[in-house]
Amino acid sequence: MWNRRQSSPTQDSICVSERVRKRVAAVPPGQERMTIEGLMAQIGSIITHTPPGEPQFDEAIMGAECVLALVHRMKVTDRDLYPG
């Protein structure tokens, strides 16, 4: 059986490192989708072409955390712009 993580559909915060927070804060409003696409390509390239355990995997992890934070930011922004 697969374990499913229970989470609230209205979760308003996520936990990311200060480094990720700074990187995400540098993304201008409205550029989230383009940045996410670039990060996903970078993550895929690292995973495909780098042996596990290499330092580049840390960059892939940070990129994935940035994707999560950007998607969350988009969700919160859209909810604030289009309530209800």
PDB file of N, CA and C in Angstrom:
ATOM      1  N   MET A   1       0.822  -1.192   0.000  1.00  0.00           N
ATOM      2  CA  MET A   1       0.000   0.000   0.000  1.00  0.00           C
ATOM      3  C   MET A   1       0.862   1.250   0.000  1.00  0.00           C
ATOM      4  N   TRP A   2       0.405   2.257  -0.674  1.00  0.00           N
ATOM      5  CA  TRP A   2       1.084   3.541  -0.678  1.00  0.00           C
ATOM      6  C   TRP A   2       0.620   4.346   0.515  1.00  0.00           C
ATOM      7  N   ASN A   3       1.557   5.015   1.133  1.00  0.00           N
ATOM      8  CA  ASN A   3       1.193   5.926   2.210  1.00  0.00           C
ATOM      9  C   ASN A   3       0.861   7.276   1.604  1.00  0.00           C
ATOM     10  N   ARG A   4      -0.257   7.813   1.993  1.00  0.00           N
ATOM     11  CA  ARG A   4      -0.637   9.142   1.508  1.00  0.00           C
ATOM     12  C   ARG A   4      -0.413  10.152   2.608  1.00  0.00           C
ATOM     13  N   ARG A   5       0.197  11.231   2.244  1.00  0.00           N
ATOM     14  CA  ARG A   5       0.426  12.293   3.202  1.00  0.00           C
ATOM     15  C   ARG A   5      -0.843  13.116   3.311  1.00  0.00           C
ATOM     16  N   GLN A   6      -1.318  13.253   4.520  1.00  0.00           N
ATOM     17  CA  GLN A   6      -2.515  14.048   4.750  1.00  0.00           C
ATOM     18  C   GLN A   6      -2.113  15.505   4.856  1.00  0.00           C
ATOM     19  N   SER A   7      -2.755  16.352   4.104  1.00  0.00           N
ATOM     20  CA  SER A   7      -2.481  17.776   4.199  1.00  0.00           C
ATOM     21  C   SER A   7      -3.776  18.538   4.004  1.00  0.00           C
ATOM     22  N   SER A   8      -3.817  19.684   4.563  1.00  0.00           N
ATOM     23  CA  SER A   8      -4.980  20.532   4.455  1.00  0.00           C
ATOM     24  C   SER A   8      -5.008  21.176   3.074  1.00  0.00           C
ATOM     25  N   PRO A   9      -6.144  21.194   2.408  1.00  0.00           N
ATOM     26  CA  PRO A   9      -6.204  21.844   1.102  1.00  0.00           C
ATOM     27  C   PRO A   9      -6.044  23.362   1.198  1.00  0.00           C
ATOM     28  N   THR A  10      -6.141  23.903   2.393  1.00  0.00           N
ATOM     29  CA  THR A  10      -5.993  25.342   2.569  1.00  0.00           C
ATOM     30  C   THR A  10      -4.681  25.687   3.259  1.00  0.00           C
ATOM     31  N   GLN A  11      -3.701  24.843   3.132  1.00  0.00           N
ATOM     32  CA  GLN A  11      -2.410  25.085   3.761  1.00  0.00           C
ATOM     33  C   GLN A  11      -1.827  26.403   3.238  1.00  0.00           C
ATOM     34  N   ASP A  12      -1.514  27.317   4.160  1.00  0.00           N
ATOM     35  CA  ASP A  12      -1.077  28.649   3.769  1.00  0.00           C
ATOM     36  C   ASP A  12       0.414  28.877   3.875  1.00  0.00           C
ATOM     37  N   SER A  13       1.175  27.917   4.351  1.00  0.00           N
ATOM     38  CA  SER A  13       2.609  28.138   4.475  1.00  0.00           C
ATOM     39  C   SER A  13       3.361  26.857   4.149  1.00  0.00           C
ATOM     40  N   ILE A  14       4.591  27.039   3.729  1.00  0.00           N
ATOM     41  CA  ILE A  14       5.491  25.914   3.493  1.00  0.00           C
ATOM     42  C   ILE A  14       6.806  26.232   4.189  1.00  0.00           C
ATOM     43  N   CYS A  15       7.586  25.222   4.412  1.00  0.00           N
ATOM     44  CA  CYS A  15       8.869  25.402   5.096  1.00  0.00           C
ATOM     45  C   CYS A  15      10.002  25.200   4.083  1.00  0.00           C
ATOM     46  N   VAL A  16      10.730  26.280   3.810  1.00  0.00           N
ATOM     47  CA  VAL A  16      11.883  26.204   2.919  1.00  0.00           C
ATOM     48  C   VAL A  16      13.047  26.951   3.572  1.00  0.00           C
ATOM     49  N   SER A  17      14.241  26.680   3.097  1.00  0.00           N
ATOM     50  CA  SER A  17      15.429  27.315   3.667  1.00  0.00           C
ATOM     51  C   SER A  17      15.488  28.797   3.293  1.00  0.00           C
ATOM     52  N   GLU A  18      16.297  29.538   4.016  1.00  0.00           N
ATOM     53  CA  GLU A  18      16.484  30.964   3.738  1.00  0.00           C
ATOM     54  C   GLU A  18      17.076  31.160   2.341  1.00  0.00           C
ATOM     55  N   ARG A  19      17.955  30.259   1.942  1.00  0.00           N
ATOM     56  CA  ARG A  19      18.568  30.333   0.616  1.00  0.00           C
ATOM     57  C   ARG A  19      17.508  30.227  -0.486  1.00  0.00           C
ATOM     58  N   VAL A  20      16.568  29.302  -0.305  1.00  0.00           N
ATOM     59  CA  VAL A  20      15.477  29.138  -1.272  1.00  0.00           C
ATOM     60  C   VAL A  20      14.566  30.362  -1.236  1.00  0.00           C
ATOM     61  N   ARG A  21      14.286  30.852  -0.038  1.00  0.00           N
ATOM     62  CA  ARG A  21      13.435  32.037   0.103  1.00  0.00           C
ATOM     63  C   ARG A  21      14.009  33.233  -0.674  1.00  0.00           C
ATOM     64  N   LYS A  22      15.326  33.433  -0.553  1.00  0.00           N
ATOM     65  CA  LYS A  22      15.975  34.541  -1.252  1.00  0.00           C
ATOM     66  C   LYS A  22      15.910  34.347  -2.769  1.00  0.00           C
ATOM     67  N   ARG A  23      16.135  33.113  -3.203  1.00  0.00           N
ATOM     68  CA  ARG A  23      16.118  32.826  -4.637  1.00  0.00           C
ATOM     69  C   ARG A  23      14.725  33.058  -5.219  1.00  0.00           C
ATOM     70  N   VAL A  24      13.703  32.647  -4.487  1.00  0.00           N
ATOM     71  CA  VAL A  24      12.328  32.827  -4.947  1.00  0.00           C
ATOM     72  C   VAL A  24      11.929  34.303  -4.897  1.00  0.00           C
ATOM     73  N   ALA A  25      12.382  35.020  -3.888  1.00  0.00           N
ATOM     74  CA  ALA A  25      12.064  36.445  -3.763  1.00  0.00           C
ATOM     75  C   ALA A  25      12.646  37.247  -4.929  1.00  0.00           C
ATOM     76  N   ALA A  26      13.702  36.738  -5.543  1.00  0.00           N
ATOM     77  CA  ALA A  26      14.334  37.432  -6.667  1.00  0.00           C
ATOM     78  C   ALA A  26      13.553  37.272  -7.976  1.00  0.00           C
ATOM     79  N   VAL A  27      12.573  36.372  -7.988  1.00  0.00           N
ATOM     80  CA  VAL A  27      11.761  36.163  -9.196  1.00  0.00           C
ATOM     81  C   VAL A  27      10.683  37.248  -9.241  1.00  0.00           C
ATOM     82  N   PRO A  28      10.673  38.055 -10.299  1.00  0.00           N
ATOM     83  CA  PRO A  28       9.674  39.125 -10.387  1.00  0.00           C
ATOM     84  C   PRO A  28       8.254  38.560 -10.492  1.00  0.00           C
ATOM     85  N   PRO A  29       7.271  39.261  -9.950  1.00  0.00           N
ATOM     86  CA  PRO A  29       5.878  38.821 -10.099  1.00  0.00           C
ATOM     87  C   PRO A  29       5.526  38.670 -11.574  1.00  0.00           C
ATOM     88  N   GLY A  30       4.810  37.612 -11.884  1.00  0.00           N
ATOM     89  CA  GLY A  30       4.432  37.349 -13.270  1.00  0.00           C
ATOM     90  C   GLY A  30       5.430  36.496 -14.025  1.00  0.00           C
ATOM     91  N   GLN A  31       6.598  36.251 -13.441  1.00  0.00           N
ATOM     92  CA  GLN A  31       7.629  35.438 -14.093  1.00  0.00           C
ATOM     93  C   GLN A  31       7.720  34.034 -13.492  1.00  0.00           C
ATOM     94  N   GLU A  32       6.763  33.682 -12.635  1.00  0.00           N
ATOM     95  CA  GLU A  32       6.833  32.385 -11.954  1.00  0.00           C
ATOM     96  C   GLU A  32       6.787  31.208 -12.925  1.00  0.00           C
ATOM     97  N   ARG A  33       5.871  31.240 -13.868  1.00  0.00           N
ATOM     98  CA  ARG A  33       5.733  30.103 -14.795  1.00  0.00           C
ATOM     99  C   ARG A  33       6.997  29.884 -15.616  1.00  0.00           C
ATOM    100  N   MET A  34       7.548  30.953 -16.148  1.00  0.00           N
ATOM    101  CA  MET A  34       8.766  30.843 -16.950  1.00  0.00           C
ATOM    102  C   MET A  34       9.923  30.312 -16.083  1.00  0.00           C
ATOM    103  N   THR A  35      10.022  30.798 -14.861  1.00  0.00           N
ATOM    104  CA  THR A  35      11.082  30.354 -13.959  1.00  0.00           C
ATOM    105  C   THR A  35      10.902  28.882 -13.597  1.00  0.00           C
ATOM    106  N   ILE A  36       9.672  28.476 -13.340  1.00  0.00           N
ATOM    107  CA  ILE A  36       9.393  27.068 -13.020  1.00  0.00           C
ATOM    108  C   ILE A  36       9.786  26.179 -14.193  1.00  0.00           C
ATOM    109  N   GLU A  37       9.448  26.578 -15.409  1.00  0.00           N
ATOM    110  CA  GLU A  37       9.818  25.782 -16.581  1.00  0.00           C
ATOM    111  C   GLU A  37      11.334  25.619 -16.685  1.00  0.00           C
ATOM    112  N   GLY A  38      12.072  26.700 -16.458  1.00  0.00           N
ATOM    113  CA  GLY A  38      13.530  26.623 -16.497  1.00  0.00           C
ATOM    114  C   GLY A  38      14.092  25.732 -15.403  1.00  0.00           C
ATOM    115  N   LEU A  39      13.526  25.856 -14.208  1.00  0.00           N
ATOM    116  CA  LEU A  39      13.994  25.017 -13.099  1.00  0.00           C
ATOM    117  C   LEU A  39      13.712  23.543 -13.363  1.00  0.00           C
ATOM    118  N   MET A  40      12.537  23.246 -13.929  1.00  0.00           N
ATOM    119  CA  MET A  40      12.196  21.848 -14.217  1.00  0.00           C
ATOM    120  C   MET A  40      13.160  21.265 -15.254  1.00  0.00           C
ATOM    121  N   ALA A  41      13.532  22.051 -16.248  1.00  0.00           N
ATOM    122  CA  ALA A  41      14.497  21.584 -17.249  1.00  0.00           C
ATOM    123  C   ALA A  41      15.855  21.342 -16.594  1.00  0.00           C
ATOM    124  N   GLN A  42      16.266  22.255 -15.716  1.00  0.00           N
ATOM    125  CA  GLN A  42      17.548  22.114 -15.025  1.00  0.00           C
ATOM    126  C   GLN A  42      17.545  20.869 -14.126  1.00  0.00           C
ATOM    127  N   ILE A  43      16.465  20.667 -13.390  1.00  0.00           N
ATOM    128  CA  ILE A  43      16.361  19.501 -12.510  1.00  0.00           C
ATOM    129  C   ILE A  43      16.429  18.219 -13.336  1.00  0.00           C
ATOM    130  N   GLY A  44      15.673  18.174 -14.435  1.00  0.00           N
ATOM    131  CA  GLY A  44      15.669  16.990 -15.288  1.00  0.00           C
ATOM    132  C   GLY A  44      17.039  16.696 -15.867  1.00  0.00           C
ATOM    133  N   SER A  45      17.748  17.732 -16.268  1.00  0.00           N
ATOM    134  CA  SER A  45      19.082  17.552 -16.829  1.00  0.00           C
ATOM    135  C   SER A  45      20.051  16.995 -15.785  1.00  0.00           C
ATOM    136  N   ILE A  46      19.983  17.555 -14.594  1.00  0.00           N
ATOM    137  CA  ILE A  46      20.879  17.073 -13.528  1.00  0.00           C
ATOM    138  C   ILE A  46      20.589  15.615 -13.203  1.00  0.00           C
ATOM    139  N   ILE A  47      19.327  15.274 -13.070  1.00  0.00           N
ATOM    140  CA  ILE A  47      18.956  13.905 -12.709  1.00  0.00           C
ATOM    141  C   ILE A  47      19.338  12.931 -13.817  1.00  0.00           C
ATOM    142  N   THR A  48      19.199  13.364 -15.067  1.00  0.00           N
ATOM    143  CA  THR A  48      19.478  12.496 -16.202  1.00  0.00           C
ATOM    144  C   THR A  48      20.978  12.292 -16.440  1.00  0.00           C
ATOM    145  N   HIS A  49      21.771  13.339 -16.258  1.00  0.00           N
ATOM    146  CA  HIS A  49      23.178  13.291 -16.682  1.00  0.00           C
ATOM    147  C   HIS A  49      24.198  13.248 -15.545  1.00  0.00           C
ATOM    148  N   THR A  50      23.744  13.198 -14.303  1.00  0.00           N
ATOM    149  CA  THR A  50      24.674  13.236 -13.180  1.00  0.00           C
ATOM    150  C   THR A  50      24.513  11.981 -12.328  1.00  0.00           C
ATOM    151  N   PRO A  51      25.603  11.312 -11.987  1.00  0.00           N
ATOM    152  CA  PRO A  51      25.495  10.149 -11.111  1.00  0.00           C
ATOM    153  C   PRO A  51      24.978  10.565  -9.723  1.00  0.00           C
ATOM    154  N   PRO A  52      24.136   9.724  -9.117  1.00  0.00           N
ATOM    155  CA  PRO A  52      23.634  10.038  -7.775  1.00  0.00           C
ATOM    156  C   PRO A  52      24.779  10.276  -6.796  1.00  0.00           C
ATOM    157  N   GLY A  53      24.568  11.203  -5.882  1.00  0.00           N
ATOM    158  CA  GLY A  53      25.569  11.488  -4.872  1.00  0.00           C
ATOM    159  C   GLY A  53      26.506  12.626  -5.222  1.00  0.00           C
ATOM    160  N   GLU A  54      26.473  13.083  -6.466  1.00  0.00           N
ATOM    161  CA  GLU A  54      27.318  14.205  -6.876  1.00  0.00           C
ATOM    162  C   GLU A  54      26.770  15.506  -6.290  1.00  0.00           C
ATOM    163  N   PRO A  55      27.628  16.503  -6.116  1.00  0.00           N
ATOM    164  CA  PRO A  55      27.177  17.787  -5.547  1.00  0.00           C
ATOM    165  C   PRO A  55      26.065  18.467  -6.360  1.00  0.00           C
ATOM    166  N   GLN A  56      25.989  18.195  -7.648  1.00  0.00           N
ATOM    167  CA  GLN A  56      24.952  18.812  -8.471  1.00  0.00           C
ATOM    168  C   GLN A  56      23.554  18.390  -8.027  1.00  0.00           C
ATOM    169  N   PHE A  57      23.460  17.230  -7.364  1.00  0.00           N
ATOM    170  CA  PHE A  57      22.159  16.789  -6.881  1.00  0.00           C
ATOM    171  C   PHE A  57      21.617  17.755  -5.834  1.00  0.00           C
ATOM    172  N   ASP A  58      22.496  18.403  -5.079  1.00  0.00           N
ATOM    173  CA  ASP A  58      22.039  19.415  -4.123  1.00  0.00           C
ATOM    174  C   ASP A  58      21.368  20.571  -4.849  1.00  0.00           C
ATOM    175  N   GLU A  59      21.902  20.931  -6.008  1.00  0.00           N
ATOM    176  CA  GLU A  59      21.293  21.988  -6.814  1.00  0.00           C
ATOM    177  C   GLU A  59      19.918  21.546  -7.322  1.00  0.00           C
ATOM    178  N   ALA A  60      19.794  20.278  -7.688  1.00  0.00           N
ATOM    179  CA  ALA A  60      18.496  19.761  -8.135  1.00  0.00           C
ATOM    180  C   ALA A  60      17.484  19.802  -6.994  1.00  0.00           C
ATOM    181  N   ILE A  61      17.921  19.476  -5.794  1.00  0.00           N
ATOM    182  CA  ILE A  61      17.028  19.527  -4.629  1.00  0.00           C
ATOM    183  C   ILE A  61      16.595  20.965  -4.359  1.00  0.00           C
ATOM    184  N   MET A  62      17.542  21.889  -4.394  1.00  0.00           N
ATOM    185  CA  MET A  62      17.197  23.284  -4.163  1.00  0.00           C
ATOM    186  C   MET A  62      16.263  23.791  -5.269  1.00  0.00           C
ATOM    187  N   GLY A  63      16.496  23.383  -6.488  1.00  0.00           N
ATOM    188  CA  GLY A  63      15.610  23.763  -7.584  1.00  0.00           C
ATOM    189  C   GLY A  63      14.199  23.243  -7.369  1.00  0.00           C
ATOM    190  N   ALA A  64      14.099  22.015  -6.886  1.00  0.00           N
ATOM    191  CA  ALA A  64      12.775  21.437  -6.605  1.00  0.00           C
ATOM    192  C   ALA A  64      12.080  22.198  -5.479  1.00  0.00           C
ATOM    193  N   GLU A  65      12.842  22.602  -4.471  1.00  0.00           N
ATOM    194  CA  GLU A  65      12.266  23.399  -3.387  1.00  0.00           C
ATOM    195  C   GLU A  65      11.801  24.761  -3.915  1.00  0.00           C
ATOM    196  N   CYS A  66      12.547  25.330  -4.842  1.00  0.00           N
ATOM    197  CA  CYS A  66      12.152  26.604  -5.449  1.00  0.00           C
ATOM    198  C   CYS A  66      10.870  26.446  -6.255  1.00  0.00           C
ATOM    199  N   VAL A  67      10.754  25.340  -6.986  1.00  0.00           N
ATOM    200  CA  VAL A  67       9.528  25.081  -7.742  1.00  0.00           C
ATOM    201  C   VAL A  67       8.346  25.024  -6.780  1.00  0.00           C
ATOM    202  N   LEU A  68       8.494  24.290  -5.682  1.00  0.00           N
ATOM    203  CA  LEU A  68       7.431  24.194  -4.689  1.00  0.00           C
ATOM    204  C   LEU A  68       7.053  25.578  -4.165  1.00  0.00           C
ATOM    205  N   ALA A  69       8.055  26.376  -3.804  1.00  0.00           N
ATOM    206  CA  ALA A  69       7.798  27.705  -3.251  1.00  0.00           C
ATOM    207  C   ALA A  69       7.129  28.623  -4.283  1.00  0.00           C
ATOM    208  N   LEU A  70       7.549  28.532  -5.540  1.00  0.00           N
ATOM    209  CA  LEU A  70       6.947  29.366  -6.582  1.00  0.00           C
ATOM    210  C   LEU A  70       5.505  28.951  -6.863  1.00  0.00           C
ATOM    211  N   VAL A  71       5.247  27.662  -6.911  1.00  0.00           N
ATOM    212  CA  VAL A  71       3.876  27.191  -7.122  1.00  0.00           C
ATOM    213  C   VAL A  71       2.998  27.650  -5.958  1.00  0.00           C
ATOM    214  N   HIS A  72       3.525  27.550  -4.748  1.00  0.00           N
ATOM    215  CA  HIS A  72       2.777  28.005  -3.575  1.00  0.00           C
ATOM    216  C   HIS A  72       2.512  29.508  -3.672  1.00  0.00           C
ATOM    217  N   ARG A  73       3.522  30.279  -4.074  1.00  0.00           N
ATOM    218  CA  ARG A  73       3.349  31.727  -4.217  1.00  0.00           C
ATOM    219  C   ARG A  73       2.274  32.037  -5.246  1.00  0.00           C
ATOM    220  N   MET A  74       2.263  31.306  -6.359  1.00  0.00           N
ATOM    221  CA  MET A  74       1.234  31.509  -7.376  1.00  0.00           C
ATOM    222  C   MET A  74      -0.151  31.206  -6.816  1.00  0.00           C
ATOM    223  N   LYS A  75      -0.262  30.132  -6.057  1.00  0.00           N
ATOM    224  CA  LYS A  75      -1.540  29.739  -5.465  1.00  0.00           C
ATOM    225  C   LYS A  75      -2.046  30.825  -4.522  1.00  0.00           C
ATOM    226  N   VAL A  76      -1.188  31.300  -3.659  1.00  0.00           N
ATOM    227  CA  VAL A  76      -1.577  32.319  -2.689  1.00  0.00           C
ATOM    228  C   VAL A  76      -1.928  33.624  -3.395  1.00  0.00           C
ATOM    229  N   THR A  77      -1.133  34.010  -4.380  1.00  0.00           N
ATOM    230  CA  THR A  77      -1.399  35.249  -5.123  1.00  0.00           C
ATOM    231  C   THR A  77      -2.721  35.157  -5.864  1.00  0.00           C
ATOM    232  N   ASP A  78      -2.969  34.041  -6.542  1.00  0.00           N
ATOM    233  CA  ASP A  78      -4.226  33.876  -7.273  1.00  0.00           C
ATOM    234  C   ASP A  78      -5.408  33.899  -6.323  1.00  0.00           C
ATOM    235  N   ARG A  79      -5.272  33.274  -5.160  1.00  0.00           N
ATOM    236  CA  ARG A  79      -6.352  33.256  -4.182  1.00  0.00           C
ATOM    237  C   ARG A  79      -6.637  34.677  -3.694  1.00  0.00           C
ATOM    238  N   ASP A  80      -5.581  35.486  -3.517  1.00  0.00           N
ATOM    239  CA  ASP A  80      -5.772  36.858  -3.075  1.00  0.00           C
ATOM    240  C   ASP A  80      -6.389  37.729  -4.167  1.00  0.00           C
ATOM    241  N   LEU A  81      -6.018  37.445  -5.435  1.00  0.00           N
ATOM    242  CA  LEU A  81      -6.558  38.232  -6.544  1.00  0.00           C
ATOM    243  C   LEU A  81      -7.990  37.855  -6.884  1.00  0.00           C
ATOM    244  N   TYR A  82      -8.290  36.554  -6.739  1.00  0.00           N
ATOM    245  CA  TYR A  82      -9.611  36.046  -7.121  1.00  0.00           C
ATOM    246  C   TYR A  82     -10.252  35.316  -5.947  1.00  0.00           C
ATOM    247  N   PRO A  83     -10.650  36.020  -4.886  1.00  0.00           N
ATOM    248  CA  PRO A  83     -11.221  35.346  -3.712  1.00  0.00           C
ATOM    249  C   PRO A  83     -12.557  34.690  -4.036  1.00  0.00           C
ATOM    250  N   GLY A  84     -12.789  33.627  -3.291  1.00  0.00           N
ATOM    251  CA  GLY A  84     -14.061  33.025  -3.255  1.00  0.00           C
ATOM    252  C   GLY A  84     -14.539  32.092  -4.215  1.00  0.00           C
TER     253      GLY A  84
END
